[in-house]
Amino acid sequence: MKESVRLLLIWLGAASALTFALFGWDKLMAKLHRRRIPEAALLACALAGGSAGGILGMAVFHHKTRKPPFPTLVPLALLAHAALLAWSAASP
């Protein structure tokens, strides 16, 4: 496996794990009526490589599934991250 692909997979995996945890934490805080994670921070984490974790968090925790722009931007970010990974794997 190419080094660039390996590093990109590590980045996307770590960012996705963090994003998934943040979605879960935010949902828990919402149920407890406690201080929440700003939506901008959740979106930023998803766009910065954590889109897979964001989609998984939306599905598992049923969180931010209808709140614009999450249902649109997070899947688009996943497509962009998949395209970046494919491009990285195909480049010489």
Protein backbone atom coordinates (compact mmCIF):
# COMPACT_ATOMS: atom_id res chain seq x y z
CA MET A 1 0.00 0.00 0.00
CA LYS A 2 1.27 3.44 -0.89
CA GLU A 3 2.37 5.64 1.98
CA SER A 4 0.01 8.44 0.95
CA VAL A 5 -2.97 6.09 0.95
CA ARG A 6 -1.97 4.65 4.32
CA LEU A 7 -1.63 8.12 5.87
CA LEU A 8 -4.93 9.26 4.37
CA LEU A 9 -6.68 6.18 5.76
CA ILE A 10 -5.23 6.85 9.20
CA TRP A 11 -6.38 10.48 9.03
CA LEU A 12 -9.89 9.60 7.83
CA GLY A 13 -10.20 6.84 10.43
CA ALA A 14 -9.08 9.03 13.33
CA ALA A 15 -11.25 11.95 12.22
CA SER A 16 -14.23 9.62 11.79
CA ALA A 17 -13.78 8.10 15.24
CA LEU A 18 -13.62 11.58 16.77
CA THR A 19 -16.67 12.77 14.83
CA PHE A 20 -18.67 9.68 15.79
CA ALA A 21 -17.81 10.25 19.46
CA LEU A 22 -18.77 13.93 19.21
CA PHE A 23 -22.15 13.10 17.68
CA GLY A 24 -22.79 10.61 20.49
CA TRP A 25 -21.68 13.06 23.17
CA ASP A 26 -23.83 15.85 21.72
CA LYS A 27 -26.87 13.57 21.65
CA LEU A 28 -26.28 12.57 25.28
CA MET A 29 -25.93 16.21 26.32
CA ALA A 30 -29.15 17.05 24.45
CA LYS A 31 -31.03 14.36 26.37
CA LEU A 32 -29.60 15.63 29.67
CA HIS A 33 -30.34 19.29 28.80
CA ARG A 34 -26.68 20.16 29.26
CA ARG A 35 -24.27 22.29 27.29
CA ARG A 36 -24.04 21.11 23.67
CA ILE A 37 -21.31 20.94 21.04
CA PRO A 38 -21.80 23.75 18.51
CA GLU A 39 -23.19 22.61 15.18
CA ALA A 40 -20.32 24.36 13.42
CA ALA A 41 -17.86 22.16 15.31
CA LEU A 42 -19.74 18.97 14.38
CA LEU A 43 -19.81 20.02 10.72
CA ALA A 44 -16.16 21.07 10.75
CA CYS A 45 -15.11 17.66 12.09
CA ALA A 46 -17.18 15.89 9.45
CA LEU A 47 -15.80 18.06 6.65
CA ALA A 48 -12.21 17.71 7.91
CA GLY A 49 -12.21 13.96 7.31
CA GLY A 50 -14.79 12.60 9.70
CA SER A 51 -17.68 12.24 7.29
CA ALA A 52 -17.91 8.45 7.70
CA GLY A 53 -18.10 8.84 11.47
CA GLY A 54 -20.63 11.63 11.05
CA ILE A 55 -22.92 9.49 8.92
CA LEU A 56 -22.52 6.57 11.31
CA GLY A 57 -23.23 8.87 14.26
CA MET A 58 -26.31 10.26 12.56
CA ALA A 59 -27.60 6.72 11.99
CA VAL A 60 -26.68 5.15 15.34
CA PHE A 61 -27.69 8.07 17.57
CA HIS A 62 -30.52 9.37 15.34
CA HIS A 63 -28.92 12.77 15.73
CA LYS A 64 -28.96 15.71 13.30
CA THR A 65 -30.70 13.60 10.66
CA ARG A 66 -33.24 16.29 9.75
CA LYS A 67 -31.34 19.41 10.81
CA PRO A 68 -30.08 21.32 7.76
CA PRO A 69 -27.34 21.23 6.49
CA PHE A 70 -26.29 17.89 8.05
CA PRO A 71 -28.29 15.49 5.81
CA THR A 72 -26.82 17.18 2.74
CA LEU A 73 -23.28 18.24 3.64
CA VAL A 74 -22.12 15.16 5.53
CA PRO A 75 -22.91 12.70 2.68
CA LEU A 76 -21.36 15.12 0.16
CA ALA A 77 -18.25 15.25 2.32
CA LEU A 78 -18.16 11.44 2.36
CA LEU A 79 -18.23 11.43 -1.44
CA ALA A 80 -15.42 13.97 -1.53
CA HIS A 81 -13.33 11.96 0.92
CA ALA A 82 -13.92 8.77 -1.08
CA ALA A 83 -12.90 10.57 -4.28
CA LEU A 84 -9.75 11.88 -2.57
CA LEU A 85 -8.91 8.36 -1.43
CA ALA A 86 -9.50 6.93 -4.90
CA TRP A 87 -7.40 9.66 -6.48
CA SER A 88 -4.62 9.06 -3.97
CA ALA A 89 -4.66 5.33 -4.67
CA ALA A 90 -4.66 5.81 -8.46
CA SER A 91 -1.96 8.47 -8.65
CA PRO A 92 1.55 7.31 -9.49
